[in-house]
């Protein structure tokens, strides 16, 4: 706004009036009469109108040129971003994607290419306009703000476009029919600082344990038993005494014969001691079975040297086996006696399986502890392996009872599930991070330290193989059995605080297969509290939950709270099903790189 100030009228006297009269006469002499002055104004107006028309014409042409320039820059920006997003597929894919998105955005009178036969049409346009589109891949230096062309793991796309036929309207009067407009855009992947926060609680072995048979049904038996066999092979197929791989009952050995008419007898109490298997080196005469209620049943007129006896409904306390000339004197015609209680004698069990002089192989546990476990474990009982000893139940004992590295340090070498699937997923994640050099850094934290809290295993590094190697050398329950999800999140945001880069997107990738159970008081609330702290710092938490037992609601809430996304890999009918889906999720997270225009 311009303010105009008007001066008041002032009266003039003699001399002043005379001077003004002379001025009027001078102007009249210059411009002639009033009629003549009217003709001069027409001429002057015409000249001014012509000048005004020229200015309008210039404004229209300049406005159109600026419009073309704006549209071209928008199209070039879209092309650069699209090309950068396709770098994961290679430079050729980035080039074609950039051209595709350039032509999806209208500029001036340029006709958009229709979707029908789009690929062929794009290729034709590129061939016909070689000087109007330039796309290069390489790297962007944020410090010097310079682009360097390179095909070695490129992370940046530079697009330069020209619009050579921008028509001019009024400038044609001066001999200018059209003008060339150029635009340049550079887009790159935004570097990320990612903290992997992984669950290495003891439950990460559960899908390879016999417990799954009672929890999820008999359909899991082949999968679990095959997994236990594979773990045994992963350990180098070790042998301990005469333990078979398939679990078997202890065999009670009778008295050694001193005469030719005396037999050597072997007895097994089967199927929860409701049946008894008997074998003799001589023909069987009779077998007497005494049940837990004190009743006895005698089996006479036997044929052969072996047989299985008992009702199958009542527990057997003892058995007498008559063969040859053996006698017990404990009843009419009773042979040698065998007690069910003897099957609980650890010394007999170790002797039968040749373990008496075999050292127990690991720092924690013992043969006696393993034997007692097989006798008393509810999971072993439900899987129908109670009092059955073998390498299968031994490995199950290690997985369930001795999972820590300090207890059974070789378990990290095995394919125990689901920790093995997690390791494979991390391998894929690391592999995909390395496919494009976009400046990502990776750190590793776990939330099962020996203190029950979180542990930073490795700080940020661009050597992803270091992180992968550490993950491969961890086992379920590596330091601790429990699940302190909040402590893991805490380690993540603390490390981002200390080492996160200002220009990088800061992300926590949180994974679990179960429920928070540490700290003992309000473990779930503690996890949400730590997630809220991360959210207040604008740190994104991406969450991955898998298996039927995972707390998906908690993981969903943590992701939403921090602007992240939750991926749930539900437990399927086989380990292979969720392994493939878990790998797919980690691959997607690795490839989901944020894009940013840098020019």
Protein backbone atom coordinates (compact mmCIF):
# COMPACT_ATOMS: atom_id res chain seq x y z
CA UNK A 1 0.00 0.00 0.00
CA UNK A 2 1.26 3.50 -0.92
CA UNK A 3 0.13 6.50 1.06
CA UNK A 4 -0.59 9.72 -0.87
CA UNK A 5 -0.47 13.01 0.87
CA UNK A 6 -2.27 16.07 -0.67
CA UNK A 7 -0.96 19.57 0.04
CA UNK A 8 -3.50 22.44 0.93
CA UNK A 9 -4.24 25.41 -1.50
CA UNK A 10 -2.11 28.62 -1.11
CA UNK A 11 -3.04 32.14 -2.60
CA UNK A 12 -0.39 33.86 -4.75
CA UNK A 13 0.21 37.56 -5.28
CA UNK A 14 1.48 39.81 -8.11
CA UNK A 15 4.95 38.50 -8.92
CA UNK A 16 4.17 34.88 -8.29
CA UNK A 17 1.07 35.10 -10.51
CA UNK A 18 3.12 36.62 -13.29
CA UNK A 19 5.63 33.79 -13.20
CA UNK A 20 2.88 31.16 -13.43
CA UNK A 21 1.33 32.99 -16.38
CA UNK A 22 4.62 32.81 -18.25
CA UNK A 23 4.87 29.07 -17.59
CA UNK A 24 1.40 28.49 -19.00
CA UNK A 25 2.31 30.40 -22.11
CA UNK A 26 5.48 28.32 -22.52
CA UNK A 27 3.52 25.05 -22.33
CA UNK A 28 0.95 26.36 -24.73
CA UNK A 29 3.71 27.19 -27.15
CA UNK A 30 5.08 23.72 -26.96
CA UNK A 31 1.82 21.82 -27.38
CA UNK A 32 -0.25 24.17 -29.38
CA UNK A 33 -3.93 24.65 -28.98
CA UNK A 34 -6.28 22.42 -27.01
CA UNK A 35 -7.38 20.69 -30.23
CA UNK A 36 -3.76 19.95 -31.04
CA UNK A 37 -3.23 18.62 -27.50
CA UNK A 38 -6.12 16.16 -27.98
CA UNK A 39 -4.36 14.67 -31.06
CA UNK A 40 -1.09 14.28 -29.16
CA UNK A 41 -2.80 12.36 -26.36
CA UNK A 42 -4.23 9.88 -28.88
CA UNK A 43 -0.76 9.23 -30.24
CA UNK A 44 0.71 8.94 -26.75
CA UNK A 45 -2.08 6.57 -25.68
CA UNK A 46 -1.43 4.37 -28.71
CA UNK A 47 2.23 4.15 -27.86
CA UNK A 48 1.41 3.31 -24.23
CA UNK A 49 -1.18 0.71 -25.30
CA UNK A 50 1.41 -0.95 -27.53
CA UNK A 51 3.90 -1.04 -24.69
CA UNK A 52 1.26 -2.46 -22.35
CA UNK A 53 0.32 -5.13 -24.88
CA UNK A 54 3.99 -6.11 -25.17
CA UNK A 55 4.30 -6.40 -21.40
CA UNK A 56 1.17 -8.56 -21.24
CA UNK A 57 2.51 -10.74 -24.03
CA UNK A 58 5.83 -11.12 -22.23
CA UNK A 59 4.02 -11.98 -19.00
CA UNK A 60 1.91 -14.66 -20.71
CA UNK A 61 4.95 -16.27 -22.34
CA UNK A 62 7.03 -16.13 -19.14
CA UNK A 63 4.16 -17.53 -17.11
CA UNK A 64 3.78 -20.41 -19.53
CA UNK A 65 7.51 -21.10 -19.46
CA UNK A 66 7.50 -21.13 -15.65
CA UNK A 67 4.51 -23.49 -15.70
CA UNK A 68 6.39 -25.85 -18.03
CA UNK A 69 9.44 -25.63 -15.79
CA UNK A 70 7.37 -26.47 -12.69
CA UNK A 71 5.69 -29.42 -14.39
CA UNK A 72 9.02 -30.67 -15.73
CA UNK A 73 10.67 -30.45 -12.30
CA UNK A 74 7.75 -32.34 -10.76
CA UNK A 75 8.07 -35.06 -13.40
CA UNK A 76 11.85 -35.20 -12.95
CA UNK A 77 11.49 -35.48 -9.16
CA UNK A 78 9.04 -38.36 -9.59
CA UNK A 79 11.38 -40.04 -12.08
CA UNK A 80 14.40 -39.75 -9.76
CA UNK A 81 12.50 -41.10 -6.77
CA UNK A 82 11.06 -43.98 -8.79
CA UNK A 83 14.45 -44.81 -10.23
CA UNK A 84 16.08 -44.77 -6.81
CA UNK A 85 13.38 -47.07 -5.50
CA UNK A 86 14.21 -49.58 -8.24
CA UNK A 87 17.97 -49.60 -7.64
CA UNK A 88 17.59 -52.83 -5.69
CA UNK A 89 16.71 -54.46 -9.02
CA UNK A 90 19.76 -53.06 -10.81
CA UNK A 91 20.74 -49.97 -12.85
CA UNK A 92 18.75 -51.03 -15.92
CA UNK A 93 15.58 -51.38 -13.88
CA UNK A 94 16.24 -47.97 -12.28
CA UNK A 95 16.69 -46.39 -15.73
CA UNK A 96 13.46 -47.83 -17.09
CA UNK A 97 11.46 -47.03 -13.92
CA UNK A 98 12.68 -43.43 -14.02
CA UNK A 99 11.62 -43.08 -17.66
CA UNK A 100 8.26 -44.66 -16.88
CA UNK A 101 7.47 -42.20 -14.10
CA UNK A 102 8.73 -39.26 -16.13
CA UNK A 103 6.17 -40.08 -18.79
CA UNK A 104 3.42 -40.65 -16.24
CA UNK A 105 3.53 -36.94 -15.37
CA UNK A 106 2.18 -34.53 -18.02
CA UNK A 107 4.37 -31.62 -19.08
CA UNK A 108 2.91 -28.96 -21.36
CA UNK A 109 1.40 -30.56 -24.40
CA UNK A 110 3.30 -33.84 -24.05
CA UNK A 111 0.89 -36.76 -24.41
CA UNK A 112 1.03 -39.38 -21.68
CA UNK A 113 1.84 -42.91 -22.74
CA UNK A 114 -1.12 -45.24 -22.31
CA UNK A 115 -0.84 -48.37 -20.21
CA UNK A 116 -1.52 -50.62 -23.19
CA UNK A 117 1.81 -51.92 -24.52
CA UNK A 118 3.45 -49.48 -22.14
CA UNK A 119 6.88 -51.07 -22.15
CA UNK A 120 7.16 -50.97 -25.92
CA UNK A 121 5.87 -47.40 -26.05
CA UNK A 122 8.38 -46.21 -23.44
CA UNK A 123 11.23 -47.85 -25.33
CA UNK A 124 10.01 -46.20 -28.53
CA UNK A 125 9.84 -42.77 -26.85
CA UNK A 126 13.36 -43.14 -25.48
CA UNK A 127 14.64 -44.06 -28.93
CA UNK A 128 12.92 -41.05 -30.50
CA UNK A 129 14.05 -38.57 -27.82
CA UNK A 130 17.65 -39.51 -26.97
CA UNK A 131 18.58 -35.96 -25.96
CA UNK A 132 15.59 -35.32 -23.71
CA UNK A 133 16.23 -37.88 -20.98
CA UNK A 134 19.41 -38.69 -19.09
CA UNK A 135 19.56 -41.09 -16.13
CA UNK A 136 22.70 -41.97 -14.19
CA UNK A 137 23.28 -44.06 -11.07
CA UNK A 138 25.97 -43.54 -8.48
CA UNK A 139 26.54 -42.08 -5.03
CA UNK A 140 25.73 -38.81 -3.28
CA UNK A 141 28.16 -37.12 -0.93
CA UNK A 142 26.05 -35.19 1.61
CA UNK A 143 29.04 -33.20 2.81
CA UNK A 144 30.14 -31.79 -0.53
CA UNK A 145 26.67 -32.18 -2.06
CA UNK A 146 28.11 -33.78 -5.17
CA UNK A 147 26.98 -36.73 -7.28
CA UNK A 148 29.50 -39.31 -8.49
CA UNK A 149 28.46 -41.72 -11.20
CA UNK A 150 29.14 -45.38 -10.34
CA UNK A 151 27.62 -48.81 -10.94
CA UNK A 152 29.22 -50.29 -7.80
CA UNK A 153 26.24 -50.85 -5.47
CA UNK A 154 24.71 -47.49 -6.43
CA UNK A 155 22.40 -45.73 -3.98
CA UNK A 156 21.53 -42.57 -5.91
CA UNK A 157 19.81 -41.73 -9.18
CA UNK A 158 20.34 -38.50 -11.13
CA UNK A 159 17.76 -37.58 -13.77
CA UNK A 160 18.16 -34.71 -16.24
CA UNK A 161 15.30 -33.96 -18.65
CA UNK A 162 14.71 -31.39 -21.35
CA UNK A 163 11.51 -30.06 -22.87
CA UNK A 164 12.69 -28.74 -26.22
CA UNK A 165 9.41 -27.67 -27.81
CA UNK A 166 7.82 -25.36 -25.26
CA UNK A 167 5.87 -23.03 -27.60
CA UNK A 168 5.82 -19.26 -27.21
CA UNK A 169 2.78 -17.20 -28.18
CA UNK A 170 3.50 -13.47 -28.35
CA UNK A 171 7.28 -13.76 -28.56
CA UNK A 172 6.86 -14.95 -32.14
CA UNK A 173 6.52 -11.28 -33.06
CA UNK A 174 10.21 -11.01 -32.22
CA UNK A 175 11.13 -14.23 -34.03
CA UNK A 176 11.06 -16.63 -31.07
CA UNK A 177 8.73 -19.62 -31.65
CA UNK A 178 9.74 -21.94 -28.80
CA UNK A 179 12.08 -22.32 -25.88
CA UNK A 180 13.97 -25.24 -24.25
CA UNK A 181 13.37 -25.96 -20.55
CA UNK A 182 15.66 -28.27 -18.55
CA UNK A 183 15.37 -29.80 -15.08
CA UNK A 184 17.60 -31.92 -12.87
CA UNK A 185 16.66 -34.08 -9.86
CA UNK A 186 18.75 -36.33 -7.63
CA UNK A 187 17.17 -38.89 -5.29
CA UNK A 188 18.81 -41.38 -2.99
CA UNK A 189 18.07 -43.85 -0.28
CA UNK A 190 18.02 -42.20 3.10
CA UNK A 191 20.61 -43.94 5.30
CA UNK A 192 19.25 -45.86 8.27
CA UNK A 193 20.61 -46.65 11.72
CA UNK A 194 18.94 -49.96 12.61
CA UNK A 195 19.18 -51.70 15.97
CA UNK A 196 18.24 -55.36 15.77
CA UNK A 197 16.66 -56.30 19.11
CA UNK A 198 16.32 -60.08 19.09
CA UNK A 199 14.73 -62.60 21.40
CA UNK A 200 17.14 -65.31 22.51
CA UNK A 201 15.05 -66.57 25.41
CA UNK A 202 14.89 -70.30 26.13
CA UNK A 203 11.52 -70.61 24.40
CA UNK A 204 13.34 -70.16 21.09
CA UNK A 205 14.06 -73.92 21.32
CA UNK A 206 10.49 -74.99 21.99
CA UNK A 207 9.51 -76.13 18.49
CA UNK A 208 12.26 -78.75 18.58
CA UNK A 209 11.20 -80.08 21.97
CA UNK A 210 8.91 -83.01 22.74
CA UNK A 211 6.61 -80.61 24.59
CA UNK A 212 5.09 -79.60 21.25
CA UNK A 213 3.51 -83.05 20.88
CA UNK A 214 1.33 -82.59 23.96
CA UNK A 215 0.74 -78.88 23.29
CA UNK A 216 -0.21 -78.99 19.61
CA UNK A 217 -1.04 -82.64 18.92
CA UNK A 218 0.37 -85.81 17.45
CA UNK A 219 0.76 -84.16 14.04
CA UNK A 220 3.85 -82.43 15.44
CA UNK A 221 5.58 -85.71 16.39
CA UNK A 222 7.32 -86.37 13.03
CA UNK A 223 8.51 -82.77 12.84
CA UNK A 224 9.86 -82.72 16.41
CA UNK A 225 11.53 -86.11 16.28
CA UNK A 226 13.11 -85.30 12.92
CA UNK A 227 14.38 -82.00 14.35
CA UNK A 228 15.92 -83.75 17.37
CA UNK A 229 17.65 -86.20 15.05
CA UNK A 230 19.00 -83.32 12.96
CA UNK A 231 20.31 -81.60 16.09
CA UNK A 232 22.12 -84.80 17.03
CA UNK A 233 23.74 -84.80 13.59
CA UNK A 234 24.57 -81.08 13.91
CA UNK A 235 26.50 -81.95 17.07
CA UNK A 236 28.54 -84.50 15.14
CA UNK A 237 26.41 -87.59 15.92
CA UNK A 238 28.09 -88.20 19.30
CA UNK A 239 27.78 -91.57 21.02
CA UNK A 240 27.57 -92.08 24.78
CA UNK A 241 27.86 -95.65 26.00
CA UNK A 242 25.23 -97.78 24.30
CA UNK A 243 22.47 -95.14 24.34
CA UNK A 244 20.41 -95.64 21.20
CA UNK A 245 18.99 -92.63 19.40
CA UNK A 246 15.40 -93.89 19.68
CA UNK A 247 14.63 -94.00 23.43
CA UNK A 248 14.19 -97.39 25.06
CA UNK A 249 13.38 -98.77 28.50
CA UNK A 250 16.11 -100.03 30.80
CA UNK A 251 16.48 -103.78 30.67
CA UNK A 252 16.78 -105.58 34.01
CA UNK A 253 19.33 -108.38 33.81
CA UNK A 254 18.83 -111.52 35.91
CA UNK A 255 21.38 -113.59 37.69
CA UNK A 256 24.18 -115.00 35.61
CA UNK A 257 23.71 -118.78 35.16
CA UNK A 258 26.12 -121.07 36.96
CA UNK A 259 24.74 -124.33 35.55
CA UNK A 260 23.54 -125.39 32.12
CA UNK A 261 19.93 -125.62 33.23
CA UNK A 262 19.90 -122.06 34.53
CA UNK A 263 18.77 -119.34 32.06
CA UNK A 264 19.89 -115.77 31.56
CA UNK A 265 16.74 -113.64 31.88
CA UNK A 266 16.06 -110.07 30.71
CA UNK A 267 13.01 -108.06 31.73
CA UNK A 268 11.54 -104.68 30.68
CA UNK A 269 8.63 -102.93 32.35
CA UNK A 270 6.68 -101.40 29.45
CA UNK A 271 3.98 -98.77 28.85
CA UNK A 272 4.03 -97.04 32.19
CA UNK A 273 4.74 -100.42 33.91
CA UNK A 274 1.38 -101.87 32.86
CA UNK A 275 3.01 -104.61 30.83
CA UNK A 276 6.23 -106.56 31.14
CA UNK A 277 8.43 -108.02 28.44
CA UNK A 278 10.39 -111.15 29.32
CA UNK A 279 13.17 -112.96 27.48
CA UNK A 280 15.09 -116.06 28.53
CA UNK A 281 17.90 -118.09 27.01
CA UNK A 282 15.80 -121.19 27.77
CA UNK A 283 12.17 -122.09 27.25
CA UNK A 284 9.73 -120.19 29.48
CA UNK A 285 7.69 -122.29 31.92
CA UNK A 286 5.52 -119.67 33.60
CA UNK A 287 5.37 -115.95 34.40
CA UNK A 288 3.68 -114.57 37.50
CA UNK A 289 2.69 -110.88 37.54
CA UNK A 290 1.83 -108.95 40.72
CA UNK A 291 -0.12 -105.71 40.32
CA UNK A 292 -0.07 -102.61 42.48
CA UNK A 293 -3.30 -103.68 44.21
CA UNK A 294 -1.59 -106.88 45.43
CA UNK A 295 -3.36 -109.26 43.05
CA UNK A 296 -1.37 -111.82 41.09
CA UNK A 297 -1.90 -113.46 37.72
CA UNK A 298 -0.03 -116.57 36.59
CA UNK A 299 0.63 -117.31 32.92
CA UNK A 300 1.27 -121.04 32.37
CA UNK A 301 1.77 -123.40 29.44
CA UNK A 302 4.10 -120.95 27.70
CA UNK A 303 5.85 -121.69 24.45
CA UNK A 304 9.05 -120.01 23.39
CA UNK A 305 11.73 -117.94 25.05
CA UNK A 306 10.08 -114.51 25.14
CA UNK A 307 6.72 -112.81 25.57
CA UNK A 308 4.81 -109.75 26.86
CA UNK A 309 2.52 -110.10 29.87
CA UNK A 310 0.08 -107.98 31.88
CA UNK A 311 -3.45 -106.64 31.61
CA UNK A 312 -2.43 -103.21 30.37
CA UNK A 313 -4.87 -101.60 32.82
CA UNK A 314 -3.05 -101.99 36.14
CA UNK A 315 0.49 -101.15 37.13
CA UNK A 316 2.82 -104.09 37.65
CA UNK A 317 4.89 -104.09 40.83
CA UNK A 318 6.95 -107.27 40.32
CA UNK A 319 7.26 -110.35 38.15
CA UNK A 320 8.56 -113.90 38.58
CA UNK A 321 9.98 -115.69 35.57
CA UNK A 322 10.26 -119.50 35.62
CA UNK A 323 12.62 -120.95 33.05
CA UNK A 324 14.86 -123.98 33.19
CA UNK A 325 15.75 -124.95 36.71
CA UNK A 326 15.67 -121.50 38.31
CA UNK A 327 13.78 -121.17 41.57
CA UNK A 328 12.91 -118.30 43.89
CA UNK A 329 11.08 -120.18 46.63
CA UNK A 330 8.60 -117.26 46.87
CA UNK A 331 5.65 -119.24 45.58
CA UNK A 332 4.73 -122.62 44.07
CA UNK A 333 6.84 -122.97 40.94
CA UNK A 334 7.87 -119.32 40.97
CA UNK A 335 11.04 -118.45 39.11
CA UNK A 336 13.45 -115.55 39.42
CA UNK A 337 11.95 -112.27 40.78
CA UNK A 338 12.24 -108.78 39.23
CA UNK A 339 11.00 -105.59 40.89
CA UNK A 340 9.57 -102.52 39.14
CA UNK A 341 11.42 -100.35 41.65
CA UNK A 342 14.67 -101.58 40.12
CA UNK A 343 13.86 -99.54 37.00
CA UNK A 344 14.26 -96.43 39.16
CA UNK A 345 17.78 -97.44 40.22
CA UNK A 346 20.09 -94.98 38.45
CA UNK A 347 23.09 -97.25 38.89
CA UNK A 348 21.30 -100.09 37.06
CA UNK A 349 20.20 -97.69 34.32
CA UNK A 350 23.70 -96.28 33.80
CA UNK A 351 25.15 -99.77 33.83
CA UNK A 352 22.70 -101.08 31.23
CA UNK A 353 23.33 -98.14 28.87
CA UNK A 354 27.09 -98.24 29.40
CA UNK A 355 27.27 -94.79 31.05
CA UNK A 356 28.93 -95.78 34.32
CA UNK A 357 32.43 -94.84 33.16
CA UNK A 358 31.44 -92.31 30.47
CA UNK A 359 32.05 -88.65 31.47
CA UNK A 360 29.04 -86.37 31.12
CA UNK A 361 29.92 -84.14 28.10
CA UNK A 362 28.99 -80.62 29.25
CA UNK A 363 29.67 -78.20 32.15
CA UNK A 364 26.19 -78.34 33.67
CA UNK A 365 24.13 -81.45 34.32
CA UNK A 366 24.94 -85.11 34.90
CA UNK A 367 23.82 -88.59 33.87
CA UNK A 368 21.86 -88.88 37.10
CA UNK A 369 20.11 -85.56 36.46
CA UNK A 370 19.23 -86.65 32.92
CA UNK A 371 17.89 -89.99 34.16
CA UNK A 372 15.76 -88.29 36.82
CA UNK A 373 14.45 -85.87 34.19
CA UNK A 374 13.30 -88.73 31.96
CA UNK A 375 11.54 -90.30 34.93
CA UNK A 376 9.71 -87.14 36.05
CA UNK A 377 9.21 -84.70 33.14
CA UNK A 378 5.55 -84.15 32.29
CA UNK A 379 6.48 -83.37 28.67
CA UNK A 380 8.42 -86.62 28.37
CA UNK A 381 5.51 -88.46 29.94
CA UNK A 382 2.97 -86.89 27.54
CA UNK A 383 5.17 -87.71 24.55
CA UNK A 384 5.12 -91.39 25.66
CA UNK A 385 8.83 -91.52 26.44
CA UNK A 386 8.65 -91.75 30.24
CA UNK A 387 11.55 -93.88 31.55
CA UNK A 388 12.79 -94.34 27.98
CA UNK A 389 16.44 -93.43 27.63
CA UNK A 390 18.21 -92.47 24.44
CA UNK A 391 19.92 -89.69 22.53
CA UNK A 392 16.57 -88.19 21.57
CA UNK A 393 15.50 -87.61 25.17
CA UNK A 394 19.07 -86.57 26.08
CA UNK A 395 19.00 -83.77 23.48
CA UNK A 396 15.53 -82.78 24.63
CA UNK A 397 16.94 -82.55 28.18
CA UNK A 398 19.63 -80.15 26.96
CA UNK A 399 17.17 -77.98 25.04
CA UNK A 400 14.63 -77.77 27.84
CA UNK A 401 16.73 -77.92 30.99
CA UNK A 402 20.23 -76.78 29.98
CA UNK A 403 19.88 -74.30 27.12
CA UNK A 404 22.39 -71.68 28.27
CA UNK A 405 25.77 -71.36 26.61
CA UNK A 406 27.39 -71.83 30.02
CA UNK A 407 25.46 -75.10 30.42
CA UNK A 408 25.53 -76.71 26.96
CA UNK A 409 27.86 -74.54 24.83
CA UNK A 410 27.42 -76.43 21.55
CA UNK A 411 23.71 -75.81 21.04
CA UNK A 412 24.35 -72.66 18.96
CA UNK A 413 25.70 -74.96 16.23
CA UNK A 414 22.39 -76.76 15.88
CA UNK A 415 19.19 -76.22 13.92
CA UNK A 416 16.95 -75.99 16.98
CA UNK A 417 13.68 -74.22 16.20
CA UNK A 418 12.56 -71.49 16.04
CA UNK A 419 15.96 -69.90 16.76
CA UNK A 420 17.38 -71.51 13.62
CA UNK A 421 14.68 -69.91 11.48
CA UNK A 422 15.44 -66.56 13.09
CA UNK A 423 19.11 -66.94 12.20
CA UNK A 424 18.21 -67.71 8.61
CA UNK A 425 15.93 -64.66 8.49
CA UNK A 426 18.73 -62.43 9.81
CA UNK A 427 21.05 -63.86 7.15
CA UNK A 428 18.57 -62.85 4.47
CA UNK A 429 18.11 -59.44 6.11
CA UNK A 430 21.86 -58.78 6.10
CA UNK A 431 22.20 -60.03 2.54
CA UNK A 432 19.51 -57.64 1.30
CA UNK A 433 20.98 -54.71 3.23
CA UNK A 434 24.21 -55.24 1.33
CA UNK A 435 22.61 -55.28 -2.10
CA UNK A 436 22.53 -51.48 -2.20
CA UNK A 437 25.15 -49.23 -0.64
CA UNK A 438 22.85 -46.65 0.90
CA UNK A 439 24.84 -45.99 4.06
CA UNK A 440 22.81 -48.18 6.42
CA UNK A 441 24.38 -49.17 9.73
CA UNK A 442 23.40 -52.11 11.89
CA UNK A 443 23.69 -52.79 15.63
CA UNK A 444 22.66 -55.83 17.67
CA UNK A 445 21.01 -56.00 21.09
CA UNK A 446 19.36 -58.93 22.83
CA UNK A 447 17.12 -58.94 25.87
CA UNK A 448 18.37 -61.99 27.72
CA UNK A 449 21.62 -60.95 29.39
CA UNK A 450 22.95 -62.92 32.35
CA UNK A 451 21.50 -60.20 34.60
CA UNK A 452 18.04 -60.67 33.06
CA UNK A 453 18.20 -57.30 31.28
CA UNK A 454 19.18 -56.09 27.83
CA UNK A 455 22.63 -56.39 26.33
CA UNK A 456 24.22 -54.49 23.44
CA UNK A 457 26.09 -57.24 21.61
CA UNK A 458 27.63 -54.96 18.97
CA UNK A 459 27.47 -51.21 18.27
CA UNK A 460 26.62 -49.68 14.89
CA UNK A 461 28.70 -50.97 12.01
CA UNK A 462 28.51 -51.05 8.25
CA UNK A 463 30.14 -54.50 8.30
CA UNK A 464 26.93 -56.49 8.40
CA UNK A 465 28.79 -59.81 8.42
CA UNK A 466 29.96 -59.08 11.98
CA UNK A 467 26.35 -58.84 13.17
CA UNK A 468 25.38 -61.96 11.26
CA UNK A 469 28.29 -63.89 12.78
CA UNK A 470 27.29 -62.94 16.32
CA UNK A 471 23.67 -63.94 15.70
CA UNK A 472 24.80 -67.32 14.36
CA UNK A 473 26.81 -67.96 17.53
CA UNK A 474 23.93 -67.34 19.93
CA UNK A 475 21.59 -70.05 21.16
CA UNK A 476 18.16 -69.99 22.71
CA UNK A 477 18.55 -69.03 26.37
CA UNK A 478 22.15 -68.08 25.59
CA UNK A 479 22.57 -65.96 28.74
CA UNK A 480 19.18 -66.24 30.42
CA UNK A 481 15.89 -68.10 29.96
CA UNK A 482 13.49 -65.21 30.37
CA UNK A 483 11.94 -62.56 28.10
CA UNK A 484 12.52 -58.92 29.06
CA UNK A 485 11.14 -57.13 25.99
CA UNK A 486 11.27 -53.72 27.67
CA UNK A 487 15.00 -54.11 28.39
CA UNK A 488 15.60 -54.84 24.72
CA UNK A 489 13.77 -51.68 23.63
CA UNK A 490 15.70 -49.74 26.25
CA UNK A 491 19.02 -50.92 24.83
CA UNK A 492 17.82 -49.92 21.37
CA UNK A 493 16.88 -46.31 22.10
CA UNK A 494 19.88 -45.78 24.36
CA UNK A 495 22.26 -46.81 21.58
CA UNK A 496 20.41 -44.64 19.05
CA UNK A 497 20.79 -41.74 21.48
CA UNK A 498 24.50 -42.34 21.86
CA UNK A 499 25.52 -43.28 18.31
CA UNK A 500 22.66 -42.45 15.93
CA UNK A 501 23.52 -40.11 13.03
CA UNK A 502 21.63 -36.85 12.64
CA UNK A 503 20.75 -37.41 8.97
CA UNK A 504 19.79 -41.08 9.29
CA UNK A 505 16.39 -42.62 9.87
CA UNK A 506 16.53 -44.30 13.28
CA UNK A 507 14.81 -47.67 13.57
CA UNK A 508 14.50 -50.45 16.14
CA UNK A 509 13.62 -53.88 14.74
CA UNK A 510 12.11 -55.84 17.64
CA UNK A 511 11.37 -59.57 17.49
CA UNK A 512 9.78 -62.04 19.91
CA UNK A 513 8.14 -65.46 19.94
CA UNK A 514 6.49 -65.14 23.35
CA UNK A 515 5.32 -62.97 26.22
CA UNK A 516 7.23 -60.46 28.32
CA UNK A 517 7.94 -62.04 31.72
CA UNK A 518 10.69 -59.79 33.09
CA UNK A 519 11.05 -57.70 35.17
CA UNK A 520 8.88 -59.76 37.54
CA UNK A 521 6.65 -56.79 38.38
CA UNK A 522 4.60 -55.54 35.40
CA UNK A 523 6.83 -56.79 32.54
CA UNK A 524 4.28 -55.80 29.89
CA UNK A 525 3.90 -52.29 31.27
CA UNK A 526 7.67 -51.87 31.33
CA UNK A 527 7.85 -52.77 27.62
CA UNK A 528 5.19 -50.17 26.78
CA UNK A 529 6.95 -47.57 28.94
CA UNK A 530 10.21 -48.06 27.02
CA UNK A 531 8.36 -47.93 23.70
CA UNK A 532 6.83 -44.60 24.74
CA UNK A 533 10.31 -43.23 25.41
CA UNK A 534 11.40 -44.32 21.92
CA UNK A 535 8.29 -42.68 20.44
CA UNK A 536 9.07 -39.40 22.21
CA UNK A 537 12.44 -39.42 20.44
CA UNK A 538 10.83 -40.12 17.04
CA UNK A 539 12.46 -43.55 16.86
CA UNK A 540 10.42 -46.01 14.82
CA UNK A 541 9.96 -49.54 16.17
CA UNK A 542 9.15 -52.27 13.65
CA UNK A 543 7.91 -55.40 15.43
CA UNK A 544 7.91 -59.03 14.35
CA UNK A 545 6.07 -61.71 16.30
CA UNK A 546 5.88 -65.37 15.42
CA UNK A 547 4.57 -68.65 16.80
CA UNK A 548 1.19 -69.28 18.37
CA UNK A 549 2.46 -68.22 21.79
CA UNK A 550 3.56 -64.67 20.85
CA UNK A 551 1.88 -61.63 22.45
CA UNK A 552 0.74 -60.09 19.17
CA UNK A 553 -1.35 -57.42 20.90
CA UNK A 554 1.67 -56.04 22.73
CA UNK A 555 3.81 -56.02 19.60
CA UNK A 556 1.03 -54.32 17.62
CA UNK A 557 0.65 -51.63 20.28
CA UNK A 558 4.40 -50.96 20.40
CA UNK A 559 4.54 -50.57 16.62
CA UNK A 560 1.54 -48.23 16.46
CA UNK A 561 2.87 -46.14 19.35
CA UNK A 562 6.12 -45.42 17.49
CA UNK A 563 4.75 -45.06 13.96
CA UNK A 564 6.10 -48.46 12.97
CA UNK A 565 4.51 -51.59 11.55
CA UNK A 566 3.81 -54.98 13.09
CA UNK A 567 4.40 -58.22 11.21
CA UNK A 568 2.88 -61.38 12.63
CA UNK A 569 4.09 -64.78 11.44
CA UNK A 570 1.55 -67.19 12.94
CA UNK A 571 2.56 -70.67 13.97
CA UNK A 572 1.64 -73.11 11.22
CA UNK A 573 1.39 -76.84 10.91
CA UNK A 574 5.11 -77.06 10.23
CA UNK A 575 8.27 -75.14 11.03
CA UNK A 576 8.97 -74.76 7.31
CA UNK A 577 5.80 -72.70 6.84
CA UNK A 578 6.66 -69.96 9.31
CA UNK A 579 10.35 -70.08 8.43
CA UNK A 580 9.58 -69.06 4.86
CA UNK A 581 7.19 -66.34 6.01
CA UNK A 582 9.64 -65.06 8.62
CA UNK A 583 12.38 -64.83 5.99
CA UNK A 584 9.95 -62.98 3.71
CA UNK A 585 9.21 -60.42 6.45
CA UNK A 586 12.90 -59.77 7.16
CA UNK A 587 13.58 -59.45 3.44
CA UNK A 588 10.80 -56.89 3.12
CA UNK A 589 12.11 -54.90 6.09
CA UNK A 590 15.60 -54.83 4.58
CA UNK A 591 14.32 -53.67 1.18
CA UNK A 592 11.87 -51.08 2.51
CA UNK A 593 14.33 -48.22 2.29
CA UNK A 594 13.12 -44.60 2.65
CA UNK A 595 13.80 -42.31 -0.33
CA UNK A 596 14.72 -38.64 -0.22
CA UNK A 597 15.26 -35.94 -2.84
CA UNK A 598 18.64 -34.30 -2.35
CA UNK A 599 18.44 -31.99 -5.36
